[in-house]
Amino acid sequence: EIKKQLIEKEGIENPNYVIACVGGGSNAAGAFYHFLDEENVKLIAVEA
């Protein structure tokens, strides 16, 4: 959804950064998933 929504909002598919908190990591995995192979998208995982 992020990819589709960014096209609408910014005219681009990929953001510069995706940030998510990580415990076990399911919300981060979901937020990172379609960007994993997009090396220009920086991924930030935030731990406690």
All heavy atoms as atom14 arrays in JSON, in Angstrom:
{
  "sequence": "EIKKQLIEKEGIENPNYVIACVGGGSNAAGAFYHFLDEENVKLIAVEA",
  "atom14_mask": [
    [1, 1, 1, 1, 1, 1, 1, 1, 1, 0, 0, 0, 0, 0],
    [1, 1, 1, 1, 1, 1, 1, 1, 0, 0, 0, 0, 0, 0],
    [1, 1, 1, 1, 1, 1, 1, 1, 1, 0, 0, 0, 0, 0],
    [1, 1, 1, 1, 1, 1, 1, 1, 1, 0, 0, 0, 0, 0],
    [1, 1, 1, 1, 1, 1, 1, 1, 1, 0, 0, 0, 0, 0],
    [1, 1, 1, 1, 1, 1, 1, 1, 0, 0, 0, 0, 0, 0],
    [1, 1, 1, 1, 1, 1, 1, 1, 0, 0, 0, 0, 0, 0],
    [1, 1, 1, 1, 1, 1, 1, 1, 1, 0, 0, 0, 0, 0],
    [1, 1, 1, 1, 1, 1, 1, 1, 1, 0, 0, 0, 0, 0],
    [1, 1, 1, 1, 1, 1, 1, 1, 1, 0, 0, 0, 0, 0],
    [1, 1, 1, 1, 0, 0, 0, 0, 0, 0, 0, 0, 0, 0],
    [1, 1, 1, 1, 1, 1, 1, 1, 0, 0, 0, 0, 0, 0],
    [1, 1, 1, 1, 1, 1, 1, 1, 1, 0, 0, 0, 0, 0],
    [1, 1, 1, 1, 1, 1, 1, 1, 0, 0, 0, 0, 0, 0],
    [1, 1, 1, 1, 1, 1, 1, 0, 0, 0, 0, 0, 0, 0],
    [1, 1, 1, 1, 1, 1, 1, 1, 0, 0, 0, 0, 0, 0],
    [1, 1, 1, 1, 1, 1, 1, 1, 1, 1, 1, 1, 0, 0],
    [1, 1, 1, 1, 1, 1, 1, 0, 0, 0, 0, 0, 0, 0],
    [1, 1, 1, 1, 1, 1, 1, 1, 0, 0, 0, 0, 0, 0],
    [1, 1, 1, 1, 1, 0, 0, 0, 0, 0, 0, 0, 0, 0],
    [1, 1, 1, 1, 1, 1, 0, 0, 0, 0, 0, 0, 0, 0],
    [1, 1, 1, 1, 1, 1, 1, 0, 0, 0, 0, 0, 0, 0],
    [1, 1, 1, 1, 0, 0, 0, 0, 0, 0, 0, 0, 0, 0],
    [1, 1, 1, 1, 0, 0, 0, 0, 0, 0, 0, 0, 0, 0],
    [1, 1, 1, 1, 0, 0, 0, 0, 0, 0, 0, 0, 0, 0],
    [1, 1, 1, 1, 1, 1, 0, 0, 0, 0, 0, 0, 0, 0],
    [1, 1, 1, 1, 1, 1, 1, 1, 0, 0, 0, 0, 0, 0],
    [1, 1, 1, 1, 1, 0, 0, 0, 0, 0, 0, 0, 0, 0],
    [1, 1, 1, 1, 1, 0, 0, 0, 0, 0, 0, 0, 0, 0],
    [1, 1, 1, 1, 0, 0, 0, 0, 0, 0, 0, 0, 0, 0],
    [1, 1, 1, 1, 1, 0, 0, 0, 0, 0, 0, 0, 0, 0],
    [1, 1, 1, 1, 1, 1, 1, 1, 1, 1, 1, 0, 0, 0],
    [1, 1, 1, 1, 1, 1, 1, 1, 1, 1, 1, 1, 0, 0],
    [1, 1, 1, 1, 1, 1, 1, 1, 1, 1, 0, 0, 0, 0],
    [1, 1, 1, 1, 1, 1, 1, 1, 1, 1, 1, 0, 0, 0],
    [1, 1, 1, 1, 1, 1, 1, 1, 0, 0, 0, 0, 0, 0],
    [1, 1, 1, 1, 1, 1, 1, 1, 0, 0, 0, 0, 0, 0],
    [1, 1, 1, 1, 1, 1, 1, 1, 1, 0, 0, 0, 0, 0],
    [1, 1, 1, 1, 1, 1, 1, 1, 1, 0, 0, 0, 0, 0],
    [1, 1, 1, 1, 1, 1, 1, 1, 0, 0, 0, 0, 0, 0],
    [1, 1, 1, 1, 1, 1, 1, 0, 0, 0, 0, 0, 0, 0],
    [1, 1, 1, 1, 1, 1, 1, 1, 1, 0, 0, 0, 0, 0],
    [1, 1, 1, 1, 1, 1, 1, 1, 0, 0, 0, 0, 0, 0],
    [1, 1, 1, 1, 1, 1, 1, 1, 0, 0, 0, 0, 0, 0],
    [1, 1, 1, 1, 1, 0, 0, 0, 0, 0, 0, 0, 0, 0],
    [1, 1, 1, 1, 1, 1, 1, 0, 0, 0, 0, 0, 0, 0],
    [1, 1, 1, 1, 1, 1, 1, 1, 1, 0, 0, 0, 0, 0],
    [1, 1, 1, 1, 1, 0, 0, 0, 0, 0, 0, 0, 0, 0]
  ],
  "atom14_positions": [
    [[0.83, -1.21, 0.0], [0.0, 0.0, 0.0], [0.86, 1.26, 0.0], [0.53, 2.24, -0.67], [-0.92, 0.01, 1.23], [-2.05, -0.99, 1.14], [-2.9, -1.06, 2.41], [-2.7, -0.23, 3.33], [-3.76, -1.95, 2.49], [0.0, 0.0, 0.0], [0.0, 0.0, 0.0], [0.0, 0.0, 0.0], [0.0, 0.0, 0.0], [0.0, 0.0, 0.0]],
    [[1.95, 1.25, 0.76], [2.82, 2.44, 0.84], [3.27, 2.83, -0.58], [3.23, 4.01, -0.95], [4.06, 2.19, 1.74], [3.63, 2.07, 3.22], [5.09, 3.32, 1.59], [4.75, 1.61, 4.16], [0.0, 0.0, 0.0], [0.0, 0.0, 0.0], [0.0, 0.0, 0.0], [0.0, 0.0, 0.0], [0.0, 0.0, 0.0], [0.0, 0.0, 0.0]],
    [[3.68, 1.84, -1.36], [4.15, 2.11, -2.74], [3.06, 2.82, -3.56], [3.31, 3.83, -4.2], [4.56, 0.8, -3.42], [6.0, 0.38, -3.16], [6.26, -0.94, -3.85], [7.64, -1.27, -4.23], [8.63, -0.4, -4.65], [0.0, 0.0, 0.0], [0.0, 0.0, 0.0], [0.0, 0.0, 0.0], [0.0, 0.0, 0.0], [0.0, 0.0, 0.0]],
    [[1.85, 2.26, -3.52], [0.75, 2.85, -4.29], [0.41, 4.25, -3.79], [0.17, 5.18, -4.56], [-0.5, 1.95, -4.2], [-0.38, 0.65, -4.96], [-1.62, -0.21, -4.75], [-1.43, -1.61, -5.32], [-2.33, -2.59, -4.73], [0.0, 0.0, 0.0], [0.0, 0.0, 0.0], [0.0, 0.0, 0.0], [0.0, 0.0, 0.0], [0.0, 0.0, 0.0]],
    [[0.39, 4.4, -2.47], [-0.01, 5.68, -1.88], [1.03, 6.77, -2.13], [0.69, 7.93, -2.3], [-0.25, 5.5, -0.38], [-1.53, 4.69, -0.12], [-1.62, 4.2, 1.32], [-0.63, 3.78, 1.92], [-2.82, 4.24, 1.9], [0.0, 0.0, 0.0], [0.0, 0.0, 0.0], [0.0, 0.0, 0.0], [0.0, 0.0, 0.0], [0.0, 0.0, 0.0]],
    [[2.31, 6.38, -2.19], [3.37, 7.38, -2.45], [3.29, 7.91, -3.88], [3.58, 9.08, -4.12], [4.75, 6.78, -2.19], [5.27, 6.88, -0.75], [6.65, 6.27, -0.65], [5.3, 8.32, -0.24], [0.0, 0.0, 0.0], [0.0, 0.0, 0.0], [0.0, 0.0, 0.0], [0.0, 0.0, 0.0], [0.0, 0.0, 0.0], [0.0, 0.0, 0.0]],
    [[2.9, 7.07, -4.82], [2.74, 7.53, -6.21], [1.7, 8.65, -6.23], [1.88, 9.7, -6.85], [2.31, 6.36, -7.13], [3.49, 5.39, -7.3], [1.85, 6.88, -8.49], [3.19, 4.16, -8.1], [0.0, 0.0, 0.0], [0.0, 0.0, 0.0], [0.0, 0.0, 0.0], [0.0, 0.0, 0.0], [0.0, 0.0, 0.0], [0.0, 0.0, 0.0]],
    [[0.62, 8.41, -5.49], [-0.47, 9.39, -5.39], [0.0, 10.69, -4.73], [-0.29, 11.79, -5.17], [-1.56, 8.76, -4.52], [-2.97, 9.16, -4.84], [-3.93, 8.34, -3.96], [-4.2, 7.17, -4.31], [-4.34, 8.87, -2.93], [0.0, 0.0, 0.0], [0.0, 0.0, 0.0], [0.0, 0.0, 0.0], [0.0, 0.0, 0.0], [0.0, 0.0, 0.0]],
    [[0.77, 10.56, -3.65], [1.14, 11.73, -2.84], [2.37, 12.47, -3.35], [2.45, 13.68, -3.28], [1.43, 11.3, -1.39], [0.35, 10.47, -0.76], [-0.28, 11.17, 0.4], [-1.32, 10.32, 1.08], [-2.59, 10.94, 1.24], [0.0, 0.0, 0.0], [0.0, 0.0, 0.0], [0.0, 0.0, 0.0], [0.0, 0.0, 0.0], [0.0, 0.0, 0.0]],
    [[3.38, 11.69, -3.8], [4.67, 12.3, -4.14], [5.09, 12.05, -5.58], [6.13, 12.53, -6.02], [5.76, 11.76, -3.19], [5.62, 12.21, -1.74], [6.08, 13.65, -1.51], [6.86, 14.16, -2.34], [5.67, 14.25, -0.51], [0.0, 0.0, 0.0], [0.0, 0.0, 0.0], [0.0, 0.0, 0.0], [0.0, 0.0, 0.0], [0.0, 0.0, 0.0]],
    [[4.3, 11.22, -6.28], [4.66, 10.89, -7.66], [5.84, 9.93, -7.75], [6.45, 9.74, -8.79], [0.0, 0.0, 0.0], [0.0, 0.0, 0.0], [0.0, 0.0, 0.0], [0.0, 0.0, 0.0], [0.0, 0.0, 0.0], [0.0, 0.0, 0.0], [0.0, 0.0, 0.0], [0.0, 0.0, 0.0], [0.0, 0.0, 0.0], [0.0, 0.0, 0.0]],
    [[6.2, 9.3, -6.61], [7.29, 8.31, -6.6], [6.81, 7.05, -5.89], [5.89, 7.1, -5.06], [8.55, 8.84, -5.86], [8.15, 9.34, -4.45], [9.25, 9.93, -6.64], [9.32, 9.64, -3.53], [0.0, 0.0, 0.0], [0.0, 0.0, 0.0], [0.0, 0.0, 0.0], [0.0, 0.0, 0.0], [0.0, 0.0, 0.0], [0.0, 0.0, 0.0]],
    [[7.43, 5.93, -6.23], [7.02, 4.66, -5.63], [7.81, 4.38, -4.36], [7.31, 3.75, -3.42], [7.27, 3.54, -6.65], [6.31, 2.39, -6.52], [6.54, 1.34, -7.61], [7.63, 1.31, -8.23], [5.63, 0.55, -7.82], [0.0, 0.0, 0.0], [0.0, 0.0, 0.0], [0.0, 0.0, 0.0], [0.0, 0.0, 0.0], [0.0, 0.0, 0.0]],
    [[9.06, 4.85, -4.33], [9.96, 4.52, -3.23], [10.31, 5.74, -2.39], [10.72, 6.76, -2.93], [11.27, 3.92, -3.77], [11.04, 2.56, -4.41], [10.01, 1.94, -4.2], [11.99, 2.12, -5.21], [0.0, 0.0, 0.0], [0.0, 0.0, 0.0], [0.0, 0.0, 0.0], [0.0, 0.0, 0.0], [0.0, 0.0, 0.0], [0.0, 0.0, 0.0]],
    [[10.17, 5.63, -1.07], [10.6, 6.72, -0.2], [12.12, 6.68, -0.04], [12.78, 5.76, -0.53], [9.91, 6.39, 1.12], [9.83, 4.89, 1.12], [9.66, 4.49, -0.32], [0.0, 0.0, 0.0], [0.0, 0.0, 0.0], [0.0, 0.0, 0.0], [0.0, 0.0, 0.0], [0.0, 0.0, 0.0], [0.0, 0.0, 0.0], [0.0, 0.0, 0.0]],
    [[12.69, 7.67, 0.64], [14.12, 7.61, 0.97], [14.38, 6.71, 2.17], [15.39, 6.03, 2.25], [14.65, 9.02, 1.28], [14.52, 9.94, 0.08], [13.51, 10.63, -0.07], [15.5, 9.93, -0.81], [0.0, 0.0, 0.0], [0.0, 0.0, 0.0], [0.0, 0.0, 0.0], [0.0, 0.0, 0.0], [0.0, 0.0, 0.0], [0.0, 0.0, 0.0]],
    [[13.41, 6.73, 3.11], [13.55, 5.94, 4.34], [12.24, 5.26, 4.7], [11.17, 5.85, 4.51], [13.94, 6.84, 5.53], [15.31, 7.44, 5.45], [15.53, 8.66, 4.81], [16.41, 6.8, 6.03], [16.79, 9.23, 4.74], [17.69, 7.36, 5.96], [17.88, 8.56, 5.32], [19.12, 9.11, 5.25], [0.0, 0.0, 0.0], [0.0, 0.0, 0.0]],
    [[12.34, 4.05, 5.26], [11.2, 3.42, 5.93], [11.65, 3.09, 7.35], [12.71, 2.48, 7.55], [10.73, 2.13, 5.23], [9.53, 1.53, 5.97], [10.34, 2.41, 3.78], [0.0, 0.0, 0.0], [0.0, 0.0, 0.0], [0.0, 0.0, 0.0], [0.0, 0.0, 0.0], [0.0, 0.0, 0.0], [0.0, 0.0, 0.0], [0.0, 0.0, 0.0]],
    [[10.86, 3.52, 8.33], [11.22, 3.35, 9.75], [10.14, 2.53, 10.45], [8.95, 2.78, 10.25], [11.33, 4.72, 10.45], [12.31, 5.63, 9.71], [11.72, 4.57, 11.91], [12.27, 7.08, 10.15], [0.0, 0.0, 0.0], [0.0, 0.0, 0.0], [0.0, 0.0, 0.0], [0.0, 0.0, 0.0], [0.0, 0.0, 0.0], [0.0, 0.0, 0.0]],
    [[10.56, 1.59, 11.28], [9.59, 0.82, 12.06], [10.26, 0.34, 13.35], [11.47, 0.11, 13.38], [9.09, -0.38, 11.26], [0.0, 0.0, 0.0], [0.0, 0.0, 0.0], [0.0, 0.0, 0.0], [0.0, 0.0, 0.0], [0.0, 0.0, 0.0], [0.0, 0.0, 0.0], [0.0, 0.0, 0.0], [0.0, 0.0, 0.0], [0.0, 0.0, 0.0]],
    [[9.45, 0.17, 14.39], [9.98, -0.41, 15.63], [10.07, -1.93, 15.46], [9.34, -2.51, 14.66], [9.1, -0.05, 16.83], [7.42, -0.7, 16.74], [0.0, 0.0, 0.0], [0.0, 0.0, 0.0], [0.0, 0.0, 0.0], [0.0, 0.0, 0.0], [0.0, 0.0, 0.0], [0.0, 0.0, 0.0], [0.0, 0.0, 0.0], [0.0, 0.0, 0.0]],
    [[10.96, -2.54, 16.24], [11.17, -3.99, 16.14], [11.2, -4.63, 17.53], [11.99, -4.24, 18.38], [12.5, -4.32, 15.42], [12.8, -5.8, 15.49], [12.43, -3.89, 13.97], [0.0, 0.0, 0.0], [0.0, 0.0, 0.0], [0.0, 0.0, 0.0], [0.0, 0.0, 0.0], [0.0, 0.0, 0.0], [0.0, 0.0, 0.0], [0.0, 0.0, 0.0]],
    [[10.29, -5.58, 17.75], [10.35, -6.45, 18.93], [10.73, -7.81, 18.37], [11.89, -8.2, 18.29], [0.0, 0.0, 0.0], [0.0, 0.0, 0.0], [0.0, 0.0, 0.0], [0.0, 0.0, 0.0], [0.0, 0.0, 0.0], [0.0, 0.0, 0.0], [0.0, 0.0, 0.0], [0.0, 0.0, 0.0], [0.0, 0.0, 0.0], [0.0, 0.0, 0.0]],
    [[9.7, -8.55, 17.92], [9.97, -9.74, 17.09], [10.17, -9.28, 15.66], [11.01, -9.78, 14.94], [0.0, 0.0, 0.0], [0.0, 0.0, 0.0], [0.0, 0.0, 0.0], [0.0, 0.0, 0.0], [0.0, 0.0, 0.0], [0.0, 0.0, 0.0], [0.0, 0.0, 0.0], [0.0, 0.0, 0.0], [0.0, 0.0, 0.0], [0.0, 0.0, 0.0]],
    [[9.34, -8.3, 15.25], [9.58, -7.64, 13.98], [8.53, -7.75, 12.89], [8.83, -7.55, 11.73], [0.0, 0.0, 0.0], [0.0, 0.0, 0.0], [0.0, 0.0, 0.0], [0.0, 0.0, 0.0], [0.0, 0.0, 0.0], [0.0, 0.0, 0.0], [0.0, 0.0, 0.0], [0.0, 0.0, 0.0], [0.0, 0.0, 0.0], [0.0, 0.0, 0.0]],
    [[7.25, -8.05, 13.25], [6.28, -8.25, 12.16], [5.85, -6.95, 11.5], [5.64, -6.9, 10.29], [5.05, -9.04, 12.63], [4.3, -8.35, 13.6], [0.0, 0.0, 0.0], [0.0, 0.0, 0.0], [0.0, 0.0, 0.0], [0.0, 0.0, 0.0], [0.0, 0.0, 0.0], [0.0, 0.0, 0.0], [0.0, 0.0, 0.0], [0.0, 0.0, 0.0]],
    [[5.71, -5.86, 12.27], [5.29, -4.61, 11.61], [6.42, -4.1, 10.71], [6.18, -3.59, 9.62], [4.79, -3.57, 12.63], [5.83, -2.56, 13.05], [6.06, -1.55, 12.4], [6.49, -2.83, 14.18], [0.0, 0.0, 0.0], [0.0, 0.0, 0.0], [0.0, 0.0, 0.0], [0.0, 0.0, 0.0], [0.0, 0.0, 0.0], [0.0, 0.0, 0.0]],
    [[7.67, -4.27, 11.18], [8.82, -3.85, 10.37], [8.93, -4.71, 9.11], [9.17, -4.2, 8.02], [10.1, -3.93, 11.19], [0.0, 0.0, 0.0], [0.0, 0.0, 0.0], [0.0, 0.0, 0.0], [0.0, 0.0, 0.0], [0.0, 0.0, 0.0], [0.0, 0.0, 0.0], [0.0, 0.0, 0.0], [0.0, 0.0, 0.0], [0.0, 0.0, 0.0]],
    [[8.73, -6.02, 9.26], [8.81, -6.91, 8.09], [7.76, -6.5, 7.05], [8.05, -6.47, 5.85], [8.59, -8.36, 8.52], [0.0, 0.0, 0.0], [0.0, 0.0, 0.0], [0.0, 0.0, 0.0], [0.0, 0.0, 0.0], [0.0, 0.0, 0.0], [0.0, 0.0, 0.0], [0.0, 0.0, 0.0], [0.0, 0.0, 0.0], [0.0, 0.0, 0.0]],
    [[6.57, -6.17, 7.51], [5.51, -5.75, 6.59], [5.8, -4.43, 5.92], [5.55, -4.24, 4.72], [0.0, 0.0, 0.0], [0.0, 0.0, 0.0], [0.0, 0.0, 0.0], [0.0, 0.0, 0.0], [0.0, 0.0, 0.0], [0.0, 0.0, 0.0], [0.0, 0.0, 0.0], [0.0, 0.0, 0.0], [0.0, 0.0, 0.0], [0.0, 0.0, 0.0]],
    [[6.39, -3.5, 6.68], [6.7, -2.17, 6.14], [7.92, -2.22, 5.21], [8.02, -1.45, 4.26], [6.95, -1.19, 7.28], [0.0, 0.0, 0.0], [0.0, 0.0, 0.0], [0.0, 0.0, 0.0], [0.0, 0.0, 0.0], [0.0, 0.0, 0.0], [0.0, 0.0, 0.0], [0.0, 0.0, 0.0], [0.0, 0.0, 0.0], [0.0, 0.0, 0.0]],
    [[8.86, -3.14, 5.47], [10.09, -3.23, 4.67], [9.91, -4.09, 3.42], [10.63, -3.93, 2.44], [11.23, -3.87, 5.5], [11.73, -3.06, 6.66], [12.63, -3.62, 7.59], [11.33, -1.74, 6.86], [13.11, -2.89, 8.67], [11.81, -1.0, 7.95], [12.7, -1.57, 8.85], [0.0, 0.0, 0.0], [0.0, 0.0, 0.0], [0.0, 0.0, 0.0]],
    [[8.97, -5.04, 3.45], [8.91, -6.18, 2.53], [9.15, -5.82, 1.06], [10.04, -6.35, 0.41], [7.57, -6.9, 2.67], [7.54, -8.28, 2.07], [7.96, -9.39, 2.81], [7.12, -8.5, 0.76], [7.95, -10.67, 2.27], [7.11, -9.78, 0.2], [7.52, -10.85, 0.97], [7.52, -12.12, 0.43], [0.0, 0.0, 0.0], [0.0, 0.0, 0.0]],
    [[8.34, -4.91, 0.52], [8.45, -4.59, -0.91], [9.6, -3.64, -1.23], [9.79, -3.26, -2.39], [7.12, -4.04, -1.44], [6.08, -5.11, -1.59], [5.17, -5.41, -0.6], [5.83, -5.97, -2.6], [4.39, -6.41, -0.99], [4.77, -6.77, -2.2], [0.0, 0.0, 0.0], [0.0, 0.0, 0.0], [0.0, 0.0, 0.0], [0.0, 0.0, 0.0]],
    [[10.35, -3.26, -0.2], [11.51, -2.38, -0.41], [12.84, -3.12, -0.19], [13.9, -2.53, -0.35], [11.44, -1.16, 0.52], [10.19, -0.34, 0.35], [9.23, -0.3, 1.34], [9.97, 0.38, -0.82], [8.07, 0.46, 1.18], [8.81, 1.12, -1.0], [7.86, 1.17, 0.0], [0.0, 0.0, 0.0], [0.0, 0.0, 0.0], [0.0, 0.0, 0.0]],
    [[12.77, -4.39, 0.19], [14.0, -5.11, 0.57], [15.03, -5.1, -0.55], [16.22, -4.92, -0.3], [13.67, -6.56, 0.98], [12.95, -6.73, 2.33], [12.52, -8.18, 2.52], [13.84, -6.29, 3.49], [0.0, 0.0, 0.0], [0.0, 0.0, 0.0], [0.0, 0.0, 0.0], [0.0, 0.0, 0.0], [0.0, 0.0, 0.0], [0.0, 0.0, 0.0]],
    [[14.58, -5.3, -1.78], [15.51, -5.32, -2.91], [15.77, -3.94, -3.52], [16.55, -3.81, -4.45], [14.98, -6.27, -4.01], [15.18, -7.73, -3.63], [16.06, -8.01, -2.79], [14.45, -8.59, -4.15], [0.0, 0.0, 0.0], [0.0, 0.0, 0.0], [0.0, 0.0, 0.0], [0.0, 0.0, 0.0], [0.0, 0.0, 0.0], [0.0, 0.0, 0.0]],
    [[15.08, -2.93, -3.0], [15.28, -1.56, -3.5], [16.38, -0.91, -2.66], [16.11, -0.25, -1.67], [13.97, -0.75, -3.37], [12.75, -1.42, -3.97], [12.6, -1.15, -5.46], [13.47, -0.46, -6.03], [11.63, -1.62, -6.05], [0.0, 0.0, 0.0], [0.0, 0.0, 0.0], [0.0, 0.0, 0.0], [0.0, 0.0, 0.0], [0.0, 0.0, 0.0]],
    [[17.62, -1.12, -3.07], [18.76, -0.72, -2.23], [18.81, 0.79, -1.94], [19.44, 1.24, -0.99], [20.08, -1.16, -2.87], [20.2, -2.68, -3.05], [20.65, -3.43, -1.8], [21.02, -2.78, -0.8], [20.64, -4.67, -1.84], [0.0, 0.0, 0.0], [0.0, 0.0, 0.0], [0.0, 0.0, 0.0], [0.0, 0.0, 0.0], [0.0, 0.0, 0.0]],
    [[18.13, 1.58, -2.79], [18.14, 3.04, -2.55], [17.18, 3.46, -1.44], [17.19, 4.61, -0.99], [17.8, 3.79, -3.85], [16.45, 3.38, -4.42], [16.01, 2.26, -4.19], [15.8, 4.26, -5.14], [0.0, 0.0, 0.0], [0.0, 0.0, 0.0], [0.0, 0.0, 0.0], [0.0, 0.0, 0.0], [0.0, 0.0, 0.0], [0.0, 0.0, 0.0]],
    [[16.33, 2.54, -1.0], [15.43, 2.83, 0.13], [16.14, 2.4, 1.41], [16.44, 1.22, 1.59], [14.08, 2.08, 0.0], [13.18, 2.39, 1.2], [13.38, 2.44, -1.31], [0.0, 0.0, 0.0], [0.0, 0.0, 0.0], [0.0, 0.0, 0.0], [0.0, 0.0, 0.0], [0.0, 0.0, 0.0], [0.0, 0.0, 0.0], [0.0, 0.0, 0.0]],
    [[16.43, 3.35, 2.28], [17.12, 3.02, 3.52], [16.1, 2.53, 4.55], [15.06, 3.16, 4.75], [17.89, 4.23, 4.04], [19.0, 4.66, 3.09], [19.8, 5.82, 3.65], [20.96, 6.19, 2.73], [20.5, 6.8, 1.48], [0.0, 0.0, 0.0], [0.0, 0.0, 0.0], [0.0, 0.0, 0.0], [0.0, 0.0, 0.0], [0.0, 0.0, 0.0]],
    [[16.42, 1.42, 5.2], [15.51, 0.82, 6.19], [16.08, 1.06, 7.58], [17.27, 0.83, 7.82], [15.38, -0.69, 5.92], [14.99, -1.1, 4.5], [14.99, -2.61, 4.35], [13.63, -0.52, 4.13], [0.0, 0.0, 0.0], [0.0, 0.0, 0.0], [0.0, 0.0, 0.0], [0.0, 0.0, 0.0], [0.0, 0.0, 0.0], [0.0, 0.0, 0.0]],
    [[15.22, 1.53, 8.49], [15.67, 1.77, 9.86], [14.78, 0.99, 10.82], [13.56, 1.17, 10.84], [15.63, 3.28, 10.21], [16.54, 4.07, 9.27], [16.04, 3.49, 11.67], [16.54, 5.57, 9.51], [0.0, 0.0, 0.0], [0.0, 0.0, 0.0], [0.0, 0.0, 0.0], [0.0, 0.0, 0.0], [0.0, 0.0, 0.0], [0.0, 0.0, 0.0]],
    [[15.4, 0.1, 11.58], [14.7, -0.7, 12.58], [15.03, -0.13, 13.96], [16.2, 0.05, 14.29], [15.15, -2.15, 12.48], [0.0, 0.0, 0.0], [0.0, 0.0, 0.0], [0.0, 0.0, 0.0], [0.0, 0.0, 0.0], [0.0, 0.0, 0.0], [0.0, 0.0, 0.0], [0.0, 0.0, 0.0], [0.0, 0.0, 0.0], [0.0, 0.0, 0.0]],
    [[13.99, 0.15, 14.74], [14.21, 0.8, 16.03], [13.87, -0.18, 17.16], [12.75, -0.68, 17.25], [13.36, 2.09, 16.17], [13.71, 2.81, 17.47], [13.58, 3.01, 14.97], [0.0, 0.0, 0.0], [0.0, 0.0, 0.0], [0.0, 0.0, 0.0], [0.0, 0.0, 0.0], [0.0, 0.0, 0.0], [0.0, 0.0, 0.0], [0.0, 0.0, 0.0]],
    [[14.87, -0.44, 17.99], [14.71, -1.4, 19.09], [14.55, -0.67, 20.42], [14.86, 0.51, 20.54], [15.94, -2.3, 19.18], [16.13, -3.19, 17.98], [17.33, -4.11, 18.15], [18.44, -3.62, 18.45], [17.16, -5.31, 17.99], [0.0, 0.0, 0.0], [0.0, 0.0, 0.0], [0.0, 0.0, 0.0], [0.0, 0.0, 0.0], [0.0, 0.0, 0.0]],
    [[14.11, -1.44, 21.4], [13.93, -0.87, 22.74], [15.21, -1.0, 23.54], [15.67, -2.1, 23.84], [12.79, -1.6, 23.46], [0.0, 0.0, 0.0], [0.0, 0.0, 0.0], [0.0, 0.0, 0.0], [0.0, 0.0, 0.0], [0.0, 0.0, 0.0], [0.0, 0.0, 0.0], [0.0, 0.0, 0.0], [0.0, 0.0, 0.0], [0.0, 0.0, 0.0]]
  ]
}
